[in-house]
Amino acid sequence: RGEVTGMLLEEYDEQWHIDNEKRWSREEGIMQVNQLNRLLAEQGRTEDIIRSASDKEYQEQLFQEFGL
């Protein structure tokens, strides 16, 4: 059992792990923004889509408003 654990630790690539966590987080964020934009578009809130693209605080308010 100790040998297997030792092998796994030797094979662990920390940079690969960090890079993939960043990629997964970025993809999740993109999906969340897309969902927000779809909801706003369905309500005809085009100005909110435009504003949230450049105002991150406002975007966060919209995420809260829609429970995202």
PDB file of N, CA and C in Angstrom:
ATOM      1  N   ARG A   1       0.829  -1.202   0.000  1.00  0.00           N
ATOM      2  CA  ARG A   1       0.000   0.000   0.000  1.00  0.00           C
ATOM      3  C   ARG A   1       0.864   1.254   0.000  1.00  0.00           C
ATOM      4  N   GLY A   2       1.917   1.271   0.747  1.00  0.00           N
ATOM      5  CA  GLY A   2       2.812   2.424   0.791  1.00  0.00           C
ATOM      6  C   GLY A   2       3.461   2.705  -0.551  1.00  0.00           C
ATOM      7  N   GLU A   3       3.749   1.651  -1.304  1.00  0.00           N
ATOM      8  CA  GLU A   3       4.370   1.831  -2.613  1.00  0.00           C
ATOM      9  C   GLU A   3       3.437   2.546  -3.579  1.00  0.00           C
ATOM     10  N   VAL A   4       2.171   2.169  -3.554  1.00  0.00           N
ATOM     11  CA  VAL A   4       1.198   2.804  -4.451  1.00  0.00           C
ATOM     12  C   VAL A   4       1.067   4.279  -4.114  1.00  0.00           C
ATOM     13  N   THR A   5       0.956   4.592  -2.822  1.00  0.00           N
ATOM     14  CA  THR A   5       0.839   5.986  -2.409  1.00  0.00           C
ATOM     15  C   THR A   5       2.076   6.762  -2.842  1.00  0.00           C
ATOM     16  N   GLY A   6       3.268   6.153  -2.650  1.00  0.00           N
ATOM     17  CA  GLY A   6       4.503   6.807  -3.059  1.00  0.00           C
ATOM     18  C   GLY A   6       4.519   7.086  -4.550  1.00  0.00           C
ATOM     19  N   MET A   7       4.055   6.139  -5.339  1.00  0.00           N
ATOM     20  CA  MET A   7       4.015   6.333  -6.790  1.00  0.00           C
ATOM     21  C   MET A   7       3.075   7.471  -7.158  1.00  0.00           C
ATOM     22  N   LEU A   8       1.930   7.496  -6.522  1.00  0.00           N
ATOM     23  CA  LEU A   8       0.963   8.534  -6.852  1.00  0.00           C
ATOM     24  C   LEU A   8       1.517   9.913  -6.521  1.00  0.00           C
ATOM     25  N   LEU A   9       2.184  10.035  -5.394  1.00  0.00           N
ATOM     26  CA  LEU A   9       2.753  11.328  -5.021  1.00  0.00           C
ATOM     27  C   LEU A   9       3.850  11.741  -5.994  1.00  0.00           C
ATOM     28  N   GLU A  10       4.647  10.773  -6.445  1.00  0.00           N
ATOM     29  CA  GLU A  10       5.698  11.095  -7.399  1.00  0.00           C
ATOM     30  C   GLU A  10       5.119  11.527  -8.736  1.00  0.00           C
ATOM     31  N   GLU A  11       3.964  10.969  -9.095  1.00  0.00           N
ATOM     32  CA  GLU A  11       3.358  11.273 -10.381  1.00  0.00           C
ATOM     33  C   GLU A  11       2.497  12.527 -10.347  1.00  0.00           C
ATOM     34  N   TYR A  12       2.195  13.012  -9.172  1.00  0.00           N
ATOM     35  CA  TYR A  12       1.347  14.196  -9.027  1.00  0.00           C
ATOM     36  C   TYR A  12       2.042  15.400  -9.648  1.00  0.00           C
ATOM     37  N   ASP A  13       1.327  16.085 -10.517  1.00  0.00           N
ATOM     38  CA  ASP A  13       1.861  17.263 -11.199  1.00  0.00           C
ATOM     39  C   ASP A  13       1.094  18.475 -10.691  1.00  0.00           C
ATOM     40  N   GLU A  14       1.688  19.176  -9.756  1.00  0.00           N
ATOM     41  CA  GLU A  14       1.016  20.311  -9.123  1.00  0.00           C
ATOM     42  C   GLU A  14       0.642  21.392 -10.135  1.00  0.00           C
ATOM     43  N   GLN A  15       1.537  21.722 -11.062  1.00  0.00           N
ATOM     44  CA  GLN A  15       1.240  22.769 -12.039  1.00  0.00           C
ATOM     45  C   GLN A  15       0.079  22.370 -12.926  1.00  0.00           C
ATOM     46  N   TRP A  16       0.034  21.084 -13.334  1.00  0.00           N
ATOM     47  CA  TRP A  16      -1.084  20.588 -14.142  1.00  0.00           C
ATOM     48  C   TRP A  16      -2.378  20.757 -13.367  1.00  0.00           C
ATOM     49  N   HIS A  17      -2.346  20.419 -12.085  1.00  0.00           N
ATOM     50  CA  HIS A  17      -3.532  20.543 -11.234  1.00  0.00           C
ATOM     51  C   HIS A  17      -3.982  22.004 -11.141  1.00  0.00           C
ATOM     52  N   ILE A  18      -3.050  22.896 -10.897  1.00  0.00           N
ATOM     53  CA  ILE A  18      -3.380  24.324 -10.789  1.00  0.00           C
ATOM     54  C   ILE A  18      -3.946  24.843 -12.104  1.00  0.00           C
ATOM     55  N   ASP A  19      -3.298  24.484 -13.220  1.00  0.00           N
ATOM     56  CA  ASP A  19      -3.771  24.934 -14.535  1.00  0.00           C
ATOM     57  C   ASP A  19      -5.181  24.440 -14.816  1.00  0.00           C
ATOM     58  N   ASN A  20      -5.467  23.192 -14.479  1.00  0.00           N
ATOM     59  CA  ASN A  20      -6.801  22.647 -14.720  1.00  0.00           C
ATOM     60  C   ASN A  20      -7.849  23.260 -13.807  1.00  0.00           C
ATOM     61  N   GLU A  21      -7.502  23.528 -12.557  1.00  0.00           N
ATOM     62  CA  GLU A  21      -8.436  24.206 -11.650  1.00  0.00           C
ATOM     63  C   GLU A  21      -8.801  25.585 -12.199  1.00  0.00           C
ATOM     64  N   LYS A  22      -7.803  26.293 -12.722  1.00  0.00           N
ATOM     65  CA  LYS A  22      -8.058  27.618 -13.306  1.00  0.00           C
ATOM     66  C   LYS A  22      -8.972  27.496 -14.519  1.00  0.00           C
ATOM     67  N   ARG A  23      -8.688  26.499 -15.367  1.00  0.00           N
ATOM     68  CA  ARG A  23      -9.499  26.306 -16.576  1.00  0.00           C
ATOM     69  C   ARG A  23     -10.933  25.961 -16.203  1.00  0.00           C
ATOM     70  N   TRP A  24     -11.115  25.053 -15.240  1.00  0.00           N
ATOM     71  CA  TRP A  24     -12.464  24.663 -14.823  1.00  0.00           C
ATOM     72  C   TRP A  24     -13.204  25.846 -14.206  1.00  0.00           C
ATOM     73  N   SER A  25     -12.496  26.642 -13.403  1.00  0.00           N
ATOM     74  CA  SER A  25     -13.122  27.821 -12.787  1.00  0.00           C
ATOM     75  C   SER A  25     -13.533  28.828 -13.848  1.00  0.00           C
ATOM     76  N   ARG A  26     -12.669  29.026 -14.833  1.00  0.00           N
ATOM     77  CA  ARG A  26     -12.963  29.963 -15.918  1.00  0.00           C
ATOM     78  C   ARG A  26     -14.176  29.495 -16.709  1.00  0.00           C
ATOM     79  N   GLU A  27     -14.231  28.203 -17.018  1.00  0.00           N
ATOM     80  CA  GLU A  27     -15.367  27.657 -17.769  1.00  0.00           C
ATOM     81  C   GLU A  27     -16.662  27.800 -16.971  1.00  0.00           C
ATOM     82  N   GLU A  28     -16.592  27.561 -15.658  1.00  0.00           N
ATOM     83  CA  GLU A  28     -17.773  27.709 -14.810  1.00  0.00           C
ATOM     84  C   GLU A  28     -18.238  29.166 -14.790  1.00  0.00           C
ATOM     85  N   GLY A  29     -17.283  30.101 -14.715  1.00  0.00           N
ATOM     86  CA  GLY A  29     -17.617  31.518 -14.722  1.00  0.00           C
ATOM     87  C   GLY A  29     -18.264  31.940 -16.030  1.00  0.00           C
ATOM     88  N   ILE A  30     -17.736  31.430 -17.127  1.00  0.00           N
ATOM     89  CA  ILE A  30     -18.309  31.752 -18.440  1.00  0.00           C
ATOM     90  C   ILE A  30     -19.736  31.239 -18.528  1.00  0.00           C
ATOM     91  N   MET A  31     -19.963  30.033 -18.045  1.00  0.00           N
ATOM     92  CA  MET A  31     -21.313  29.462 -18.079  1.00  0.00           C
ATOM     93  C   MET A  31     -22.277  30.305 -17.232  1.00  0.00           C
ATOM     94  N   GLN A  32     -21.794  30.794 -16.094  1.00  0.00           N
ATOM     95  CA  GLN A  32     -22.629  31.605 -15.206  1.00  0.00           C
ATOM     96  C   GLN A  32     -22.979  32.938 -15.874  1.00  0.00           C
ATOM     97  N   VAL A  33     -22.011  33.576 -16.509  1.00  0.00           N
ATOM     98  CA  VAL A  33     -22.263  34.843 -17.205  1.00  0.00           C
ATOM     99  C   VAL A  33     -23.229  34.620 -18.365  1.00  0.00           C
ATOM    100  N   ASN A  34     -23.041  33.537 -19.107  1.00  0.00           N
ATOM    101  CA  ASN A  34     -23.953  33.237 -20.209  1.00  0.00           C
ATOM    102  C   ASN A  34     -25.376  33.028 -19.716  1.00  0.00           C
ATOM    103  N   GLN A  35     -25.512  32.332 -18.598  1.00  0.00           N
ATOM    104  CA  GLN A  35     -26.846  32.106 -18.035  1.00  0.00           C
ATOM    105  C   GLN A  35     -27.477  33.438 -17.626  1.00  0.00           C
ATOM    106  N   LEU A  36     -26.700  34.295 -16.990  1.00  0.00           N
ATOM    107  CA  LEU A  36     -27.206  35.617 -16.607  1.00  0.00           C
ATOM    108  C   LEU A  36     -27.643  36.394 -17.841  1.00  0.00           C
ATOM    109  N   ASN A  37     -26.825  36.400 -18.874  1.00  0.00           N
ATOM    110  CA  ASN A  37     -27.170  37.128 -20.094  1.00  0.00           C
ATOM    111  C   ASN A  37     -28.440  36.589 -20.741  1.00  0.00           C
ATOM    112  N   ARG A  38     -28.605  35.266 -20.743  1.00  0.00           N
ATOM    113  CA  ARG A  38     -29.843  34.684 -21.305  1.00  0.00           C
ATOM    114  C   ARG A  38     -31.067  35.138 -20.526  1.00  0.00           C
ATOM    115  N   LEU A  39     -30.957  35.122 -19.189  1.00  0.00           N
ATOM    116  CA  LEU A  39     -32.093  35.540 -18.354  1.00  0.00           C
ATOM    117  C   LEU A  39     -32.419  37.014 -18.578  1.00  0.00           C
ATOM    118  N   LEU A  40     -31.389  37.837 -18.647  1.00  0.00           N
ATOM    119  CA  LEU A  40     -31.611  39.266 -18.892  1.00  0.00           C
ATOM    120  C   LEU A  40     -32.214  39.486 -20.283  1.00  0.00           C
ATOM    121  N   ALA A  41     -31.719  38.777 -21.272  1.00  0.00           N
ATOM    122  CA  ALA A  41     -32.235  38.916 -22.636  1.00  0.00           C
ATOM    123  C   ALA A  41     -33.705  38.509 -22.699  1.00  0.00           C
ATOM    124  N   GLU A  42     -34.061  37.437 -22.004  1.00  0.00           N
ATOM    125  CA  GLU A  42     -35.461  36.991 -21.988  1.00  0.00           C
ATOM    126  C   GLU A  42     -36.388  38.060 -21.421  1.00  0.00           C
ATOM    127  N   GLN A  43     -35.845  38.888 -20.525  1.00  0.00           N
ATOM    128  CA  GLN A  43     -36.637  39.959 -19.916  1.00  0.00           C
ATOM    129  C   GLN A  43     -36.468  41.287 -20.651  1.00  0.00           C
ATOM    130  N   GLY A  44     -35.745  41.277 -21.754  1.00  0.00           N
ATOM    131  CA  GLY A  44     -35.556  42.504 -22.522  1.00  0.00           C
ATOM    132  C   GLY A  44     -34.653  43.514 -21.842  1.00  0.00           C
ATOM    133  N   ARG A  45     -33.762  43.068 -20.978  1.00  0.00           N
ATOM    134  CA  ARG A  45     -32.900  43.959 -20.192  1.00  0.00           C
ATOM    135  C   ARG A  45     -31.525  44.109 -20.845  1.00  0.00           C
ATOM    136  N   THR A  46     -31.523  44.559 -22.081  1.00  0.00           N
ATOM    137  CA  THR A  46     -30.297  44.704 -22.852  1.00  0.00           C
ATOM    138  C   THR A  46     -29.314  45.664 -22.188  1.00  0.00           C
ATOM    139  N   GLU A  47     -29.792  46.752 -21.659  1.00  0.00           N
ATOM    140  CA  GLU A  47     -28.911  47.727 -21.001  1.00  0.00           C
ATOM    141  C   GLU A  47     -28.199  47.105 -19.809  1.00  0.00           C
ATOM    142  N   ASP A  48     -28.874  46.207 -19.084  1.00  0.00           N
ATOM    143  CA  ASP A  48     -28.233  45.534 -17.955  1.00  0.00           C
ATOM    144  C   ASP A  48     -27.122  44.599 -18.429  1.00  0.00           C
ATOM    145  N   ILE A  49     -27.319  43.953 -19.571  1.00  0.00           N
ATOM    146  CA  ILE A  49     -26.268  43.095 -20.135  1.00  0.00           C
ATOM    147  C   ILE A  49     -25.035  43.935 -20.446  1.00  0.00           C
ATOM    148  N   ILE A  50     -25.255  45.066 -21.098  1.00  0.00           N
ATOM    149  CA  ILE A  50     -24.148  45.944 -21.479  1.00  0.00           C
ATOM    150  C   ILE A  50     -23.440  46.489 -20.245  1.00  0.00           C
ATOM    151  N   ARG A  51     -24.201  46.954 -19.263  1.00  0.00           N
ATOM    152  CA  ARG A  51     -23.598  47.524 -18.056  1.00  0.00           C
ATOM    153  C   ARG A  51     -22.823  46.465 -17.273  1.00  0.00           C
ATOM    154  N   SER A  52     -23.378  45.262 -17.157  1.00  0.00           N
ATOM    155  CA  SER A  52     -22.713  44.232 -16.369  1.00  0.00           C
ATOM    156  C   SER A  52     -21.395  43.773 -16.995  1.00  0.00           C
ATOM    157  N   ALA A  53     -21.241  43.990 -18.304  1.00  0.00           N
ATOM    158  CA  ALA A  53     -19.998  43.614 -18.973  1.00  0.00           C
ATOM    159  C   ALA A  53     -18.821  44.477 -18.528  1.00  0.00           C
ATOM    160  N   SER A  54     -19.094  45.698 -18.083  1.00  0.00           N
ATOM    161  CA  SER A  54     -18.012  46.592 -17.685  1.00  0.00           C
ATOM    162  C   SER A  54     -18.047  46.979 -16.208  1.00  0.00           C
ATOM    163  N   ASP A  55     -19.108  46.592 -15.504  1.00  0.00           N
ATOM    164  CA  ASP A  55     -19.252  46.942 -14.086  1.00  0.00           C
ATOM    165  C   ASP A  55     -19.426  45.647 -13.296  1.00  0.00           C
ATOM    166  N   LYS A  56     -18.311  45.149 -12.754  1.00  0.00           N
ATOM    167  CA  LYS A  56     -18.333  43.848 -12.068  1.00  0.00           C
ATOM    168  C   LYS A  56     -19.185  43.875 -10.800  1.00  0.00           C
ATOM    169  N   GLU A  57     -19.241  45.000 -10.113  1.00  0.00           N
ATOM    170  CA  GLU A  57     -20.098  45.100  -8.922  1.00  0.00           C
ATOM    171  C   GLU A  57     -21.565  44.965  -9.320  1.00  0.00           C
ATOM    172  N   TYR A  58     -21.952  45.617 -10.404  1.00  0.00           N
ATOM    173  CA  TYR A  58     -23.327  45.523 -10.886  1.00  0.00           C
ATOM    174  C   TYR A  58     -23.624  44.098 -11.342  1.00  0.00           C
ATOM    175  N   GLN A  59     -22.652  43.471 -11.995  1.00  0.00           N
ATOM    176  CA  GLN A  59     -22.828  42.090 -12.433  1.00  0.00           C
ATOM    177  C   GLN A  59     -23.079  41.186 -11.220  1.00  0.00           C
ATOM    178  N   GLU A  60     -22.331  41.410 -10.146  1.00  0.00           N
ATOM    179  CA  GLU A  60     -22.525  40.611  -8.927  1.00  0.00           C
ATOM    180  C   GLU A  60     -23.923  40.832  -8.350  1.00  0.00           C
ATOM    181  N   GLN A  61     -24.418  42.062  -8.408  1.00  0.00           N
ATOM    182  CA  GLN A  61     -25.786  42.346  -7.946  1.00  0.00           C
ATOM    183  C   GLN A  61     -26.794  41.554  -8.774  1.00  0.00           C
ATOM    184  N   LEU A  62     -26.550  41.490 -10.071  1.00  0.00           N
ATOM    185  CA  LEU A  62     -27.456  40.739 -10.947  1.00  0.00           C
ATOM    186  C   LEU A  62     -27.382  39.244 -10.659  1.00  0.00           C
ATOM    187  N   PHE A  63     -26.186  38.724 -10.384  1.00  0.00           N
ATOM    188  CA  PHE A  63     -26.065  37.321 -10.013  1.00  0.00           C
ATOM    189  C   PHE A  63     -26.910  37.034  -8.773  1.00  0.00           C
ATOM    190  N   GLN A  64     -26.835  37.913  -7.813  1.00  0.00           N
ATOM    191  CA  GLN A  64     -27.618  37.749  -6.578  1.00  0.00           C
ATOM    192  C   GLN A  64     -29.108  37.839  -6.877  1.00  0.00           C
ATOM    193  N   GLU A  65     -29.494  38.807  -7.697  1.00  0.00           N
ATOM    194  CA  GLU A  65     -30.903  38.984  -8.061  1.00  0.00           C
ATOM    195  C   GLU A  65     -31.485  37.705  -8.661  1.00  0.00           C
ATOM    196  N   PHE A  66     -30.692  37.018  -9.498  1.00  0.00           N
ATOM    197  CA  PHE A  66     -31.169  35.826 -10.174  1.00  0.00           C
ATOM    198  C   PHE A  66     -30.787  34.531  -9.462  1.00  0.00           C
ATOM    199  N   GLY A  67     -30.147  34.668  -8.300  1.00  0.00           N
ATOM    200  CA  GLY A  67     -29.766  33.483  -7.537  1.00  0.00           C
ATOM    201  C   GLY A  67     -28.696  32.643  -8.204  1.00  0.00           C
ATOM    202  N   LEU A  68     -27.803  33.303  -8.896  1.00  0.00           N
ATOM    203  CA  LEU A  68     -26.721  32.585  -9.590  1.00  0.00           C
ATOM    204  C   LEU A  68     -25.415  32.630  -8.798  1.00  0.00           C
TER     205      LEU A  68
END
